Amino acid sequence: MPELEVAADAASNRLYIRLSGFFREADVQPAIARLEEELKWVTPGFDVVVDISKFVPGSPSAAEALRRGGEMVKDRGRRRAVRITGGLVTGLMQFKRMLGGIFAEDDTVRYASSRAEAVRILDKW
């Protein structure tokens, strides 16, 4: 069963997202609605920690939803992101491919192996 956890931390102006499992078309709308709700709590210039360590490449409709979610995050004013990969290359590759053109793989993205490491990276960045 796929899971999406999204939590905004208004005090640090950070958004935490965890994607796990294989998303199907039926999982798309609730996931987008959840992301939209949490985006209300951050202000432009926020940072994002995205845990895709247990993300499994999903259906085409789920891929489109992930792209829409990325566009929502960009439009809201994301500054920097740290992606927690856990070493799963397949999920990371699809994630990068789906978000291609939305976010440049430049100085605004770093990678971590845990949430604690991701927070440390943002704190020092």
PDB file of N, CA and C in Angstrom:
ATOM      1  N   MET A   1       0.842  -1.179   0.000  1.00  0.00           N
ATOM      2  CA  MET A   1       0.000   0.000   0.000  1.00  0.00           C
ATOM      3  C   MET A   1       0.893   1.250   0.000  1.00  0.00           C
ATOM      4  N   PRO A   2       0.631   2.191  -0.907  1.00  0.00           N
ATOM      5  CA  PRO A   2       1.453   3.399  -0.961  1.00  0.00           C
ATOM      6  C   PRO A   2       1.142   4.336   0.203  1.00  0.00           C
ATOM      7  N   GLU A   3       2.124   5.120   0.548  1.00  0.00           N
ATOM      8  CA  GLU A   3       1.933   6.102   1.613  1.00  0.00           C
ATOM      9  C   GLU A   3       2.536   7.423   1.190  1.00  0.00           C
ATOM     10  N   LEU A   4       1.834   8.485   1.568  1.00  0.00           N
ATOM     11  CA  LEU A   4       2.363   9.832   1.419  1.00  0.00           C
ATOM     12  C   LEU A   4       2.206  10.505   2.767  1.00  0.00           C
ATOM     13  N   GLU A   5       3.310  10.970   3.304  1.00  0.00           N
ATOM     14  CA  GLU A   5       3.270  11.779   4.510  1.00  0.00           C
ATOM     15  C   GLU A   5       3.805  13.145   4.135  1.00  0.00           C
ATOM     16  N   VAL A   6       3.070  14.175   4.509  1.00  0.00           N
ATOM     17  CA  VAL A   6       3.489  15.546   4.249  1.00  0.00           C
ATOM     18  C   VAL A   6       3.276  16.328   5.525  1.00  0.00           C
ATOM     19  N   ALA A   7       4.304  17.050   5.953  1.00  0.00           N
ATOM     20  CA  ALA A   7       4.194  17.877   7.148  1.00  0.00           C
ATOM     21  C   ALA A   7       4.979  19.163   6.931  1.00  0.00           C
ATOM     22  N   ALA A   8       4.329  20.265   7.214  1.00  0.00           N
ATOM     23  CA  ALA A   8       5.000  21.562   7.126  1.00  0.00           C
ATOM     24  C   ALA A   8       5.444  21.972   8.524  1.00  0.00           C
ATOM     25  N   ASP A   9       6.635  22.529   8.595  1.00  0.00           N
ATOM     26  CA  ASP A   9       7.148  23.103   9.835  1.00  0.00           C
ATOM     27  C   ASP A   9       7.268  24.606   9.574  1.00  0.00           C
ATOM     28  N   ALA A  10       6.259  25.361  10.011  1.00  0.00           N
ATOM     29  CA  ALA A  10       6.219  26.798   9.749  1.00  0.00           C
ATOM     30  C   ALA A  10       7.366  27.524  10.438  1.00  0.00           C
ATOM     31  N   ALA A  11       7.783  27.058  11.609  1.00  0.00           N
ATOM     32  CA  ALA A  11       8.852  27.725  12.363  1.00  0.00           C
ATOM     33  C   ALA A  11      10.174  27.713  11.588  1.00  0.00           C
ATOM     34  N   SER A  12      10.488  26.593  10.945  1.00  0.00           N
ATOM     35  CA  SER A  12      11.733  26.513  10.168  1.00  0.00           C
ATOM     36  C   SER A  12      11.499  26.746   8.676  1.00  0.00           C
ATOM     37  N   ASN A  13      10.223  26.943   8.305  1.00  0.00           N
ATOM     38  CA  ASN A  13       9.829  27.131   6.907  1.00  0.00           C
ATOM     39  C   ASN A  13      10.336  25.981   6.037  1.00  0.00           C
ATOM     40  N   ARG A  14      10.006  24.763   6.512  1.00  0.00           N
ATOM     41  CA  ARG A  14      10.390  23.546   5.791  1.00  0.00           C
ATOM     42  C   ARG A  14       9.177  22.652   5.563  1.00  0.00           C
ATOM     43  N   LEU A  15       9.239  21.946   4.465  1.00  0.00           N
ATOM     44  CA  LEU A  15       8.211  20.979   4.131  1.00  0.00           C
ATOM     45  C   LEU A  15       8.869  19.607   4.100  1.00  0.00           C
ATOM     46  N   TYR A  16       8.278  18.659   4.802  1.00  0.00           N
ATOM     47  CA  TYR A  16       8.789  17.286   4.851  1.00  0.00           C
ATOM     48  C   TYR A  16       7.807  16.386   4.113  1.00  0.00           C
ATOM     49  N   ILE A  17       8.328  15.637   3.142  1.00  0.00           N
ATOM     50  CA  ILE A  17       7.511  14.731   2.335  1.00  0.00           C
ATOM     51  C   ILE A  17       8.151  13.355   2.369  1.00  0.00           C
ATOM     52  N   ARG A  18       7.307  12.325   2.562  1.00  0.00           N
ATOM     53  CA  ARG A  18       7.798  10.942   2.473  1.00  0.00           C
ATOM     54  C   ARG A  18       6.876  10.182   1.539  1.00  0.00           C
ATOM     55  N   LEU A  19       7.460   9.639   0.482  1.00  0.00           N
ATOM     56  CA  LEU A  19       6.736   8.804  -0.474  1.00  0.00           C
ATOM     57  C   LEU A  19       7.234   7.379  -0.329  1.00  0.00           C
ATOM     58  N   SER A  20       6.307   6.446  -0.187  1.00  0.00           N
ATOM     59  CA  SER A  20       6.729   5.041  -0.140  1.00  0.00           C
ATOM     60  C   SER A  20       5.692   4.173  -0.842  1.00  0.00           C
ATOM     61  N   GLY A  21       6.169   3.100  -1.403  1.00  0.00           N
ATOM     62  CA  GLY A  21       5.287   2.172  -2.090  1.00  0.00           C
ATOM     63  C   GLY A  21       5.040   2.549  -3.537  1.00  0.00           C
ATOM     64  N   PHE A  22       4.084   1.857  -4.133  1.00  0.00           N
ATOM     65  CA  PHE A  22       3.724   1.997  -5.546  1.00  0.00           C
ATOM     66  C   PHE A  22       2.392   2.733  -5.632  1.00  0.00           C
ATOM     67  N   PHE A  23       2.376   3.919  -6.222  1.00  0.00           N
ATOM     68  CA  PHE A  23       1.156   4.711  -6.329  1.00  0.00           C
ATOM     69  C   PHE A  23       0.400   4.369  -7.606  1.00  0.00           C
ATOM     70  N   ARG A  24      -0.922   4.230  -7.441  1.00  0.00           N
ATOM     71  CA  ARG A  24      -1.814   3.960  -8.565  1.00  0.00           C
ATOM     72  C   ARG A  24      -2.723   5.164  -8.764  1.00  0.00           C
ATOM     73  N   GLU A  25      -3.515   5.118  -9.806  1.00  0.00           N
ATOM     74  CA  GLU A  25      -4.393   6.245 -10.142  1.00  0.00           C
ATOM     75  C   GLU A  25      -5.305   6.630  -8.969  1.00  0.00           C
ATOM     76  N   ALA A  26      -5.832   5.667  -8.254  1.00  0.00           N
ATOM     77  CA  ALA A  26      -6.737   5.952  -7.136  1.00  0.00           C
ATOM     78  C   ALA A  26      -6.045   6.675  -5.984  1.00  0.00           C
ATOM     79  N   ASP A  27      -4.728   6.591  -5.917  1.00  0.00           N
ATOM     80  CA  ASP A  27      -3.972   7.216  -4.836  1.00  0.00           C
ATOM     81  C   ASP A  27      -3.619   8.674  -5.131  1.00  0.00           C
ATOM     82  N   VAL A  28      -3.825   9.091  -6.370  1.00  0.00           N
ATOM     83  CA  VAL A  28      -3.331  10.381  -6.831  1.00  0.00           C
ATOM     84  C   VAL A  28      -4.046  11.565  -6.185  1.00  0.00           C
ATOM     85  N   GLN A  29      -5.342  11.640  -6.298  1.00  0.00           N
ATOM     86  CA  GLN A  29      -6.061  12.829  -5.830  1.00  0.00           C
ATOM     87  C   GLN A  29      -5.899  13.065  -4.328  1.00  0.00           C
ATOM     88  N   PRO A  30      -6.011  12.037  -3.486  1.00  0.00           N
ATOM     89  CA  PRO A  30      -5.788  12.291  -2.055  1.00  0.00           C
ATOM     90  C   PRO A  30      -4.370  12.796  -1.759  1.00  0.00           C
ATOM     91  N   ALA A  31      -3.388  12.309  -2.510  1.00  0.00           N
ATOM     92  CA  ALA A  31      -2.008  12.740  -2.293  1.00  0.00           C
ATOM     93  C   ALA A  31      -1.835  14.209  -2.678  1.00  0.00           C
ATOM     94  N   ILE A  32      -2.395  14.615  -3.799  1.00  0.00           N
ATOM     95  CA  ILE A  32      -2.304  16.012  -4.246  1.00  0.00           C
ATOM     96  C   ILE A  32      -3.027  16.921  -3.254  1.00  0.00           C
ATOM     97  N   ALA A  33      -4.183  16.505  -2.788  1.00  0.00           N
ATOM     98  CA  ALA A  33      -4.942  17.312  -1.821  1.00  0.00           C
ATOM     99  C   ALA A  33      -4.161  17.489  -0.527  1.00  0.00           C
ATOM    100  N   ARG A  34      -3.515  16.445  -0.082  1.00  0.00           N
ATOM    101  CA  ARG A  34      -2.720  16.510   1.154  1.00  0.00           C
ATOM    102  C   ARG A  34      -1.548  17.475   0.993  1.00  0.00           C
ATOM    103  N   LEU A  35      -0.851  17.382  -0.118  1.00  0.00           N
ATOM    104  CA  LEU A  35       0.268  18.281  -0.385  1.00  0.00           C
ATOM    105  C   LEU A  35      -0.213  19.728  -0.435  1.00  0.00           C
ATOM    106  N   GLU A  36      -1.302  19.952  -1.128  1.00  0.00           N
ATOM    107  CA  GLU A  36      -1.860  21.301  -1.251  1.00  0.00           C
ATOM    108  C   GLU A  36      -2.188  21.895   0.116  1.00  0.00           C
ATOM    109  N   GLU A  37      -2.731  21.088   1.001  1.00  0.00           N
ATOM    110  CA  GLU A  37      -3.079  21.557   2.353  1.00  0.00           C
ATOM    111  C   GLU A  37      -1.833  21.977   3.133  1.00  0.00           C
ATOM    112  N   GLU A  38      -0.789  21.187   3.076  1.00  0.00           N
ATOM    113  CA  GLU A  38       0.423  21.504   3.840  1.00  0.00           C
ATOM    114  C   GLU A  38       1.203  22.671   3.246  1.00  0.00           C
ATOM    115  N   LEU A  39       1.102  22.872   1.943  1.00  0.00           N
ATOM    116  CA  LEU A  39       1.801  23.992   1.316  1.00  0.00           C
ATOM    117  C   LEU A  39       1.294  25.342   1.819  1.00  0.00           C
ATOM    118  N   LYS A  40       0.107  25.364   2.391  1.00  0.00           N
ATOM    119  CA  LYS A  40      -0.444  26.605   2.940  1.00  0.00           C
ATOM    120  C   LYS A  40       0.355  27.097   4.141  1.00  0.00           C
ATOM    121  N   TRP A  41       1.128  26.217   4.767  1.00  0.00           N
ATOM    122  CA  TRP A  41       1.824  26.542   6.012  1.00  0.00           C
ATOM    123  C   TRP A  41       3.264  27.006   5.819  1.00  0.00           C
ATOM    124  N   VAL A  42       3.748  26.975   4.587  1.00  0.00           N
ATOM    125  CA  VAL A  42       5.106  27.463   4.320  1.00  0.00           C
ATOM    126  C   VAL A  42       5.029  28.731   3.478  1.00  0.00           C
ATOM    127  N   THR A  43       6.084  29.537   3.554  1.00  0.00           N
ATOM    128  CA  THR A  43       6.126  30.773   2.788  1.00  0.00           C
ATOM    129  C   THR A  43       7.211  30.652   1.712  1.00  0.00           C
ATOM    130  N   PRO A  44       7.112  31.456   0.658  1.00  0.00           N
ATOM    131  CA  PRO A  44       8.127  31.384  -0.395  1.00  0.00           C
ATOM    132  C   PRO A  44       9.541  31.476   0.180  1.00  0.00           C
ATOM    133  N   GLY A  45      10.425  30.639  -0.380  1.00  0.00           N
ATOM    134  CA  GLY A  45      11.783  30.517   0.134  1.00  0.00           C
ATOM    135  C   GLY A  45      11.934  29.346   1.086  1.00  0.00           C
ATOM    136  N   PHE A  46      10.924  28.482   1.151  1.00  0.00           N
ATOM    137  CA  PHE A  46      10.971  27.314   2.034  1.00  0.00           C
ATOM    138  C   PHE A  46      11.882  26.232   1.458  1.00  0.00           C
ATOM    139  N   ASP A  47      12.340  25.362   2.348  1.00  0.00           N
ATOM    140  CA  ASP A  47      13.156  24.211   1.966  1.00  0.00           C
ATOM    141  C   ASP A  47      12.316  22.947   2.079  1.00  0.00           C
ATOM    142  N   VAL A  48      12.725  21.916   1.342  1.00  0.00           N
ATOM    143  CA  VAL A  48      11.985  20.657   1.316  1.00  0.00           C
ATOM    144  C   VAL A  48      12.920  19.488   1.596  1.00  0.00           C
ATOM    145  N   VAL A  49      12.455  18.574   2.436  1.00  0.00           N
ATOM    146  CA  VAL A  49      13.116  17.285   2.629  1.00  0.00           C
ATOM    147  C   VAL A  49      12.160  16.250   2.049  1.00  0.00           C
ATOM    148  N   VAL A  50      12.624  15.513   1.045  1.00  0.00           N
ATOM    149  CA  VAL A  50      11.790  14.503   0.384  1.00  0.00           C
ATOM    150  C   VAL A  50      12.429  13.139   0.595  1.00  0.00           C
ATOM    151  N   ASP A  51      11.723  12.274   1.308  1.00  0.00           N
ATOM    152  CA  ASP A  51      12.202  10.917   1.551  1.00  0.00           C
ATOM    153  C   ASP A  51      11.609   9.992   0.501  1.00  0.00           C
ATOM    154  N   ILE A  52      12.455   9.558  -0.423  1.00  0.00           N
ATOM    155  CA  ILE A  52      12.020   8.619  -1.467  1.00  0.00           C
ATOM    156  C   ILE A  52      12.741   7.286  -1.310  1.00  0.00           C
ATOM    157  N   SER A  53      13.213   7.003  -0.098  1.00  0.00           N
ATOM    158  CA  SER A  53      13.996   5.788   0.134  1.00  0.00           C
ATOM    159  C   SER A  53      13.185   4.511  -0.058  1.00  0.00           C
ATOM    160  N   LYS A  54      11.847   4.601   0.030  1.00  0.00           N
ATOM    161  CA  LYS A  54      11.004   3.420  -0.175  1.00  0.00           C
ATOM    162  C   LYS A  54       9.989   3.652  -1.285  1.00  0.00           C
ATOM    163  N   PHE A  55      10.271   4.631  -2.116  1.00  0.00           N
ATOM    164  CA  PHE A  55       9.407   4.948  -3.248  1.00  0.00           C
ATOM    165  C   PHE A  55       9.649   3.938  -4.361  1.00  0.00           C
ATOM    166  N   VAL A  56       8.560   3.431  -4.939  1.00  0.00           N
ATOM    167  CA  VAL A  56       8.630   2.488  -6.050  1.00  0.00           C
ATOM    168  C   VAL A  56       8.026   3.189  -7.267  1.00  0.00           C
ATOM    169  N   PRO A  57       8.696   3.151  -8.406  1.00  0.00           N
ATOM    170  CA  PRO A  57       8.119   3.801  -9.588  1.00  0.00           C
ATOM    171  C   PRO A  57       6.674   3.367  -9.801  1.00  0.00           C
ATOM    172  N   GLY A  58       5.799   4.347  -9.989  1.00  0.00           N
ATOM    173  CA  GLY A  58       4.362   4.089 -10.042  1.00  0.00           C
ATOM    174  C   GLY A  58       3.794   4.082 -11.443  1.00  0.00           C
ATOM    175  N   SER A  59       2.468   4.076 -11.477  1.00  0.00           N
ATOM    176  CA  SER A  59       1.739   4.063 -12.744  1.00  0.00           C
ATOM    177  C   SER A  59       1.912   5.404 -13.454  1.00  0.00           C
ATOM    178  N   PRO A  60       1.573   5.463 -14.748  1.00  0.00           N
ATOM    179  CA  PRO A  60       1.681   6.734 -15.473  1.00  0.00           C
ATOM    180  C   PRO A  60       0.871   7.863 -14.830  1.00  0.00           C
ATOM    181  N   SER A  61      -0.313   7.574 -14.308  1.00  0.00           N
ATOM    182  CA  SER A  61      -1.112   8.625 -13.664  1.00  0.00           C
ATOM    183  C   SER A  61      -0.453   9.096 -12.376  1.00  0.00           C
ATOM    184  N   ALA A  62       0.194   8.190 -11.676  1.00  0.00           N
ATOM    185  CA  ALA A  62       0.916   8.574 -10.463  1.00  0.00           C
ATOM    186  C   ALA A  62       2.132   9.413 -10.823  1.00  0.00           C
ATOM    187  N   ALA A  63       2.786   9.082 -11.917  1.00  0.00           N
ATOM    188  CA  ALA A  63       3.931   9.875 -12.370  1.00  0.00           C
ATOM    189  C   ALA A  63       3.486  11.286 -12.702  1.00  0.00           C
ATOM    190  N   GLU A  64       2.348  11.416 -13.345  1.00  0.00           N
ATOM    191  CA  GLU A  64       1.818  12.745 -13.671  1.00  0.00           C
ATOM    192  C   GLU A  64       1.463  13.509 -12.397  1.00  0.00           C
ATOM    193  N   ALA A  65       0.938  12.826 -11.406  1.00  0.00           N
ATOM    194  CA  ALA A  65       0.608  13.481 -10.127  1.00  0.00           C
ATOM    195  C   ALA A  65       1.870  13.971  -9.442  1.00  0.00           C
ATOM    196  N   LEU A  66       2.926  13.180  -9.481  1.00  0.00           N
ATOM    197  CA  LEU A  66       4.192  13.597  -8.879  1.00  0.00           C
ATOM    198  C   LEU A  66       4.712  14.846  -9.587  1.00  0.00           C
ATOM    199  N   ARG A  67       4.576  14.872 -10.861  1.00  0.00           N
ATOM    200  CA  ARG A  67       4.986  16.052 -11.629  1.00  0.00           C
ATOM    201  C   ARG A  67       4.147  17.269 -11.222  1.00  0.00           C
ATOM    202  N   ARG A  68       2.838  17.090 -11.114  1.00  0.00           N
ATOM    203  CA  ARG A  68       1.964  18.190 -10.673  1.00  0.00           C
ATOM    204  C   ARG A  68       2.344  18.648  -9.276  1.00  0.00           C
ATOM    205  N   GLY A  69       2.646  17.692  -8.398  1.00  0.00           N
ATOM    206  CA  GLY A  69       3.078  18.038  -7.044  1.00  0.00           C
ATOM    207  C   GLY A  69       4.362  18.840  -7.063  1.00  0.00           C
ATOM    208  N   GLY A  70       5.302  18.454  -7.918  1.00  0.00           N
ATOM    209  CA  GLY A  70       6.546  19.202  -8.056  1.00  0.00           C
ATOM    210  C   GLY A  70       6.295  20.617  -8.540  1.00  0.00           C
ATOM    211  N   GLU A  71       5.374  20.767  -9.471  1.00  0.00           N
ATOM    212  CA  GLU A  71       5.034  22.098  -9.963  1.00  0.00           C
ATOM    213  C   GLU A  71       4.392  22.950  -8.869  1.00  0.00           C
ATOM    214  N   MET A  72       3.563  22.328  -8.037  1.00  0.00           N
ATOM    215  CA  MET A  72       2.946  23.050  -6.922  1.00  0.00           C
ATOM    216  C   MET A  72       4.018  23.544  -5.944  1.00  0.00           C
ATOM    217  N   VAL A  73       4.975  22.693  -5.652  1.00  0.00           N
ATOM    218  CA  VAL A  73       6.057  23.050  -4.732  1.00  0.00           C
ATOM    219  C   VAL A  73       6.885  24.189  -5.333  1.00  0.00           C
ATOM    220  N   LYS A  74       7.190  24.096  -6.605  1.00  0.00           N
ATOM    221  CA  LYS A  74       7.967  25.150  -7.264  1.00  0.00           C
ATOM    222  C   LYS A  74       7.199  26.469  -7.262  1.00  0.00           C
ATOM    223  N   ASP A  75       5.919  26.405  -7.637  1.00  0.00           N
ATOM    224  CA  ASP A  75       5.099  27.615  -7.702  1.00  0.00           C
ATOM    225  C   ASP A  75       4.956  28.281  -6.337  1.00  0.00           C
ATOM    226  N   ARG A  76       4.986  27.486  -5.291  1.00  0.00           N
ATOM    227  CA  ARG A  76       4.862  28.041  -3.930  1.00  0.00           C
ATOM    228  C   ARG A  76       6.165  28.704  -3.482  1.00  0.00           C
ATOM    229  N   GLY A  77       7.279  28.405  -4.156  1.00  0.00           N
ATOM    230  CA  GLY A  77       8.517  29.104  -3.872  1.00  0.00           C
ATOM    231  C   GLY A  77       9.602  28.299  -3.188  1.00  0.00           C
ATOM    232  N   ARG A  78       9.722  27.020  -3.550  1.00  0.00           N
ATOM    233  CA  ARG A  78      10.785  26.201  -2.971  1.00  0.00           C
ATOM    234  C   ARG A  78      12.156  26.807  -3.240  1.00  0.00           C
ATOM    235  N   ARG A  79      12.983  26.803  -2.214  1.00  0.00           N
ATOM    236  CA  ARG A  79      14.346  27.316  -2.352  1.00  0.00           C
ATOM    237  C   ARG A  79      15.318  26.175  -2.577  1.00  0.00           C
ATOM    238  N   ARG A  80      15.448  25.295  -1.587  1.00  0.00           N
ATOM    239  CA  ARG A  80      16.406  24.181  -1.661  1.00  0.00           C
ATOM    240  C   ARG A  80      15.702  22.884  -1.283  1.00  0.00           C
ATOM    241  N   ALA A  81      16.316  21.776  -1.696  1.00  0.00           N
ATOM    242  CA  ALA A  81      15.742  20.470  -1.375  1.00  0.00           C
ATOM    243  C   ALA A  81      16.843  19.484  -1.034  1.00  0.00           C
ATOM    244  N   VAL A  82      16.526  18.597  -0.101  1.00  0.00           N
ATOM    245  CA  VAL A  82      17.384  17.454   0.189  1.00  0.00           C
ATOM    246  C   VAL A  82      16.529  16.219  -0.018  1.00  0.00           C
ATOM    247  N   ARG A  83      17.023  15.307  -0.830  1.00  0.00           N
ATOM    248  CA  ARG A  83      16.316  14.052  -1.113  1.00  0.00           C
ATOM    249  C   ARG A  83      16.984  12.920  -0.358  1.00  0.00           C
ATOM    250  N   ILE A  84      16.183  12.193   0.392  1.00  0.00           N
ATOM    251  CA  ILE A  84      16.672  11.023   1.121  1.00  0.00           C
ATOM    252  C   ILE A  84      16.456   9.830   0.203  1.00  0.00           C
ATOM    253  N   THR A  85      17.561   9.203  -0.203  1.00  0.00           N
ATOM    254  CA  THR A  85      17.468   8.155  -1.221  1.00  0.00           C
ATOM    255  C   THR A  85      17.541   6.738  -0.671  1.00  0.00           C
ATOM    256  N   GLY A  86      18.266   6.523   0.387  1.00  0.00           N
ATOM    257  CA  GLY A  86      18.388   5.178   0.919  1.00  0.00           C
ATOM    258  C   GLY A  86      19.039   4.204  -0.039  1.00  0.00           C
ATOM    259  N   GLY A  87      19.645   4.696  -1.088  1.00  0.00           N
ATOM    260  CA  GLY A  87      20.355   3.830  -2.018  1.00  0.00           C
ATOM    261  C   GLY A  87      19.491   3.187  -3.090  1.00  0.00           C
ATOM    262  N   LEU A  88      18.182   3.458  -3.131  1.00  0.00           N
ATOM    263  CA  LEU A  88      17.321   2.877  -4.160  1.00  0.00           C
ATOM    264  C   LEU A  88      17.421   3.714  -5.431  1.00  0.00           C
ATOM    265  N   VAL A  89      18.145   3.215  -6.378  1.00  0.00           N
ATOM    266  CA  VAL A  89      18.414   3.960  -7.601  1.00  0.00           C
ATOM    267  C   VAL A  89      17.184   4.040  -8.492  1.00  0.00           C
ATOM    268  N   THR A  90      16.379   3.002  -8.568  1.00  0.00           N
ATOM    269  CA  THR A  90      15.222   2.985  -9.466  1.00  0.00           C
ATOM    270  C   THR A  90      14.243   4.092  -9.124  1.00  0.00           C
ATOM    271  N   GLY A  91      13.866   4.196  -7.857  1.00  0.00           N
ATOM    272  CA  GLY A  91      12.942   5.244  -7.434  1.00  0.00           C
ATOM    273  C   GLY A  91      13.519   6.624  -7.652  1.00  0.00           C
ATOM    274  N   LEU A  92      14.799   6.801  -7.346  1.00  0.00           N
ATOM    275  CA  LEU A  92      15.454   8.096  -7.532  1.00  0.00           C
ATOM    276  C   LEU A  92      15.482   8.479  -9.006  1.00  0.00           C
ATOM    277  N   MET A  93      15.795   7.536  -9.868  1.00  0.00           N
ATOM    278  CA  MET A  93      15.869   7.834 -11.300  1.00  0.00           C
ATOM    279  C   MET A  93      14.503   8.262 -11.837  1.00  0.00           C
ATOM    280  N   GLN A  94      13.437   7.548 -11.445  1.00  0.00           N
ATOM    281  CA  GLN A  94      12.116   7.938 -11.927  1.00  0.00           C
ATOM    282  C   GLN A  94      11.729   9.299 -11.344  1.00  0.00           C
ATOM    283  N   PHE A  95      12.029   9.512 -10.089  1.00  0.00           N
ATOM    284  CA  PHE A  95      11.732  10.776  -9.432  1.00  0.00           C
ATOM    285  C   PHE A  95      12.407  11.927 -10.179  1.00  0.00           C
ATOM    286  N   LYS A  96      13.675  11.779 -10.487  1.00  0.00           N
ATOM    287  CA  LYS A  96      14.420  12.816 -11.206  1.00  0.00           C
ATOM    288  C   LYS A  96      13.863  13.005 -12.620  1.00  0.00           C
ATOM    289  N   ARG A  97      13.526  11.919 -13.275  1.00  0.00           N
ATOM    290  CA  ARG A  97      13.000  11.985 -14.638  1.00  0.00           C
ATOM    291  C   ARG A  97      11.651  12.712 -14.662  1.00  0.00           C
ATOM    292  N   MET A  98      10.788  12.391 -13.691  1.00  0.00           N
ATOM    293  CA  MET A  98       9.462  13.011 -13.655  1.00  0.00           C
ATOM    294  C   MET A  98       9.538  14.499 -13.341  1.00  0.00           C
ATOM    295  N   LEU A  99      10.525  14.876 -12.539  1.00  0.00           N
ATOM    296  CA  LEU A  99      10.644  16.283 -12.164  1.00  0.00           C
ATOM    297  C   LEU A  99      11.573  17.056 -13.089  1.00  0.00           C
ATOM    298  N   GLY A 100      12.098  16.386 -14.093  1.00  0.00           N
ATOM    299  CA  GLY A 100      12.965  17.054 -15.056  1.00  0.00           C
ATOM    300  C   GLY A 100      12.250  18.221 -15.709  1.00  0.00           C
ATOM    301  N   GLY A 101      12.924  19.335 -15.797  1.00  0.00           N
ATOM    302  CA  GLY A 101      12.304  20.523 -16.363  1.00  0.00           C
ATOM    303  C   GLY A 101      11.590  21.373 -15.330  1.00  0.00           C
ATOM    304  N   ILE A 102      11.251  20.793 -14.192  1.00  0.00           N
ATOM    305  CA  ILE A 102      10.628  21.572 -13.120  1.00  0.00           C
ATOM    306  C   ILE A 102      11.716  22.124 -12.220  1.00  0.00           C
ATOM    307  N   PHE A 103      12.568  21.223 -11.742  1.00  0.00           N
ATOM    308  CA  PHE A 103      13.680  21.622 -10.901  1.00  0.00           C
ATOM    309  C   PHE A 103      14.980  21.242 -11.595  1.00  0.00           C
ATOM    310  N   ALA A 104      15.876  22.182 -11.685  1.00  0.00           N
ATOM    311  CA  ALA A 104      17.194  21.894 -12.243  1.00  0.00           C
ATOM    312  C   ALA A 104      18.002  21.137 -11.201  1.00  0.00           C
ATOM    313  N   GLU A 105      18.777  20.175 -11.639  1.00  0.00           N
ATOM    314  CA  GLU A 105      19.667  19.442 -10.733  1.00  0.00           C
ATOM    315  C   GLU A 105      20.937  20.257 -10.573  1.00  0.00           C
ATOM    316  N   ASP A 106      20.826  21.315  -9.818  1.00  0.00           N
ATOM    317  CA  ASP A 106      21.956  22.223  -9.673  1.00  0.00           C
ATOM    318  C   ASP A 106      22.289  22.413  -8.200  1.00  0.00           C
ATOM    319  N   ASP A 107      22.629  23.607  -7.846  1.00  0.00           N
ATOM    320  CA  ASP A 107      23.024  23.889  -6.473  1.00  0.00           C
ATOM    321  C   ASP A 107      21.865  23.887  -5.482  1.00  0.00           C
ATOM    322  N   THR A 108      20.641  23.631  -5.939  1.00  0.00           N
ATOM    323  CA  THR A 108      19.501  23.671  -5.020  1.00  0.00           C
ATOM    324  C   THR A 108      19.085  22.292  -4.519  1.00  0.00           C
ATOM    325  N   VAL A 109      19.782  21.236  -4.931  1.00  0.00           N
ATOM    326  CA  VAL A 109      19.417  19.876  -4.518  1.00  0.00           C
ATOM    327  C   VAL A 109      20.642  19.160  -3.951  1.00  0.00           C
ATOM    328  N   ARG A 110      20.439  18.527  -2.799  1.00  0.00           N
ATOM    329  CA  ARG A 110      21.459  17.689  -2.176  1.00  0.00           C
ATOM    330  C   ARG A 110      20.815  16.328  -1.874  1.00  0.00           C
ATOM    331  N   TYR A 111      21.657  15.363  -1.508  1.00  0.00           N
ATOM    332  CA  TYR A 111      21.172  14.010  -1.216  1.00  0.00           C
ATOM    333  C   TYR A 111      21.656  13.580   0.152  1.00  0.00           C
ATOM    334  N   ALA A 112      20.814  12.798   0.838  1.00  0.00           N
ATOM    335  CA  ALA A 112      21.127  12.320   2.179  1.00  0.00           C
ATOM    336  C   ALA A 112      20.664  10.880   2.313  1.00  0.00           C
ATOM    337  N   SER A 113      21.144  10.218   3.372  1.00  0.00           N
ATOM    338  CA  SER A 113      20.737   8.836   3.616  1.00  0.00           C
ATOM    339  C   SER A 113      19.720   8.719   4.746  1.00  0.00           C
ATOM    340  N   SER A 114      19.441   9.820   5.443  1.00  0.00           N
ATOM    341  CA  SER A 114      18.458   9.790   6.533  1.00  0.00           C
ATOM    342  C   SER A 114      17.870  11.185   6.723  1.00  0.00           C
ATOM    343  N   ARG A 115      16.766  11.251   7.453  1.00  0.00           N
ATOM    344  CA  ARG A 115      16.157  12.553   7.747  1.00  0.00           C
ATOM    345  C   ARG A 115      17.086  13.401   8.609  1.00  0.00           C
ATOM    346  N   ALA A 116      17.725  12.796   9.580  1.00  0.00           N
ATOM    347  CA  ALA A 116      18.648  13.541  10.442  1.00  0.00           C
ATOM    348  C   ALA A 116      19.762  14.167   9.618  1.00  0.00           C
ATOM    349  N   GLU A 117      20.310  13.404   8.685  1.00  0.00           N
ATOM    350  CA  GLU A 117      21.359  13.939   7.826  1.00  0.00           C
ATOM    351  C   GLU A 117      20.807  15.063   6.944  1.00  0.00           C
ATOM    352  N   ALA A 118      19.596  14.894   6.422  1.00  0.00           N
ATOM    353  CA  ALA A 118      18.981  15.924   5.583  1.00  0.00           C
ATOM    354  C   ALA A 118      18.811  17.230   6.352  1.00  0.00           C
ATOM    355  N   VAL A 119      18.364  17.139   7.587  1.00  0.00           N
ATOM    356  CA  VAL A 119      18.186  18.333   8.423  1.00  0.00           C
ATOM    357  C   VAL A 119      19.540  19.000   8.676  1.00  0.00           C
ATOM    358  N   ARG A 120      20.568  18.193   8.960  1.00  0.00           N
ATOM    359  CA  ARG A 120      21.907  18.754   9.169  1.00  0.00           C
ATOM    360  C   ARG A 120      22.406  19.482   7.926  1.00  0.00           C
ATOM    361  N   ILE A 121      22.152  18.892   6.774  1.00  0.00           N
ATOM    362  CA  ILE A 121      22.570  19.522   5.529  1.00  0.00           C
ATOM    363  C   ILE A 121      21.884  20.889   5.370  1.00  0.00           C
ATOM    364  N   LEU A 122      20.577  20.937   5.600  1.00  0.00           N
ATOM    365  CA  LEU A 122      19.869  22.207   5.469  1.00  0.00           C
ATOM    366  C   LEU A 122      20.328  23.216   6.513  1.00  0.00           C
ATOM    367  N   ASP A 123      20.576  22.754   7.724  1.00  0.00           N
ATOM    368  CA  ASP A 123      21.013  23.655   8.784  1.00  0.00           C
ATOM    369  C   ASP A 123      22.362  24.299   8.466  1.00  0.00           C
ATOM    370  N   LYS A 124      23.226  23.580   7.780  1.00  0.00           N
ATOM    371  CA  LYS A 124      24.566  24.077   7.456  1.00  0.00           C
ATOM    372  C   LYS A 124      24.628  24.793   6.104  1.00  0.00           C
ATOM    373  N   TRP A 125      23.644  24.618   5.263  1.00  0.00           N
ATOM    374  CA  TRP A 125      23.649  25.098   3.889  1.00  0.00           C
ATOM    375  C   TRP A 125      23.587  26.598   3.842  1.00  0.00           C
TER     376      TRP A 125
END
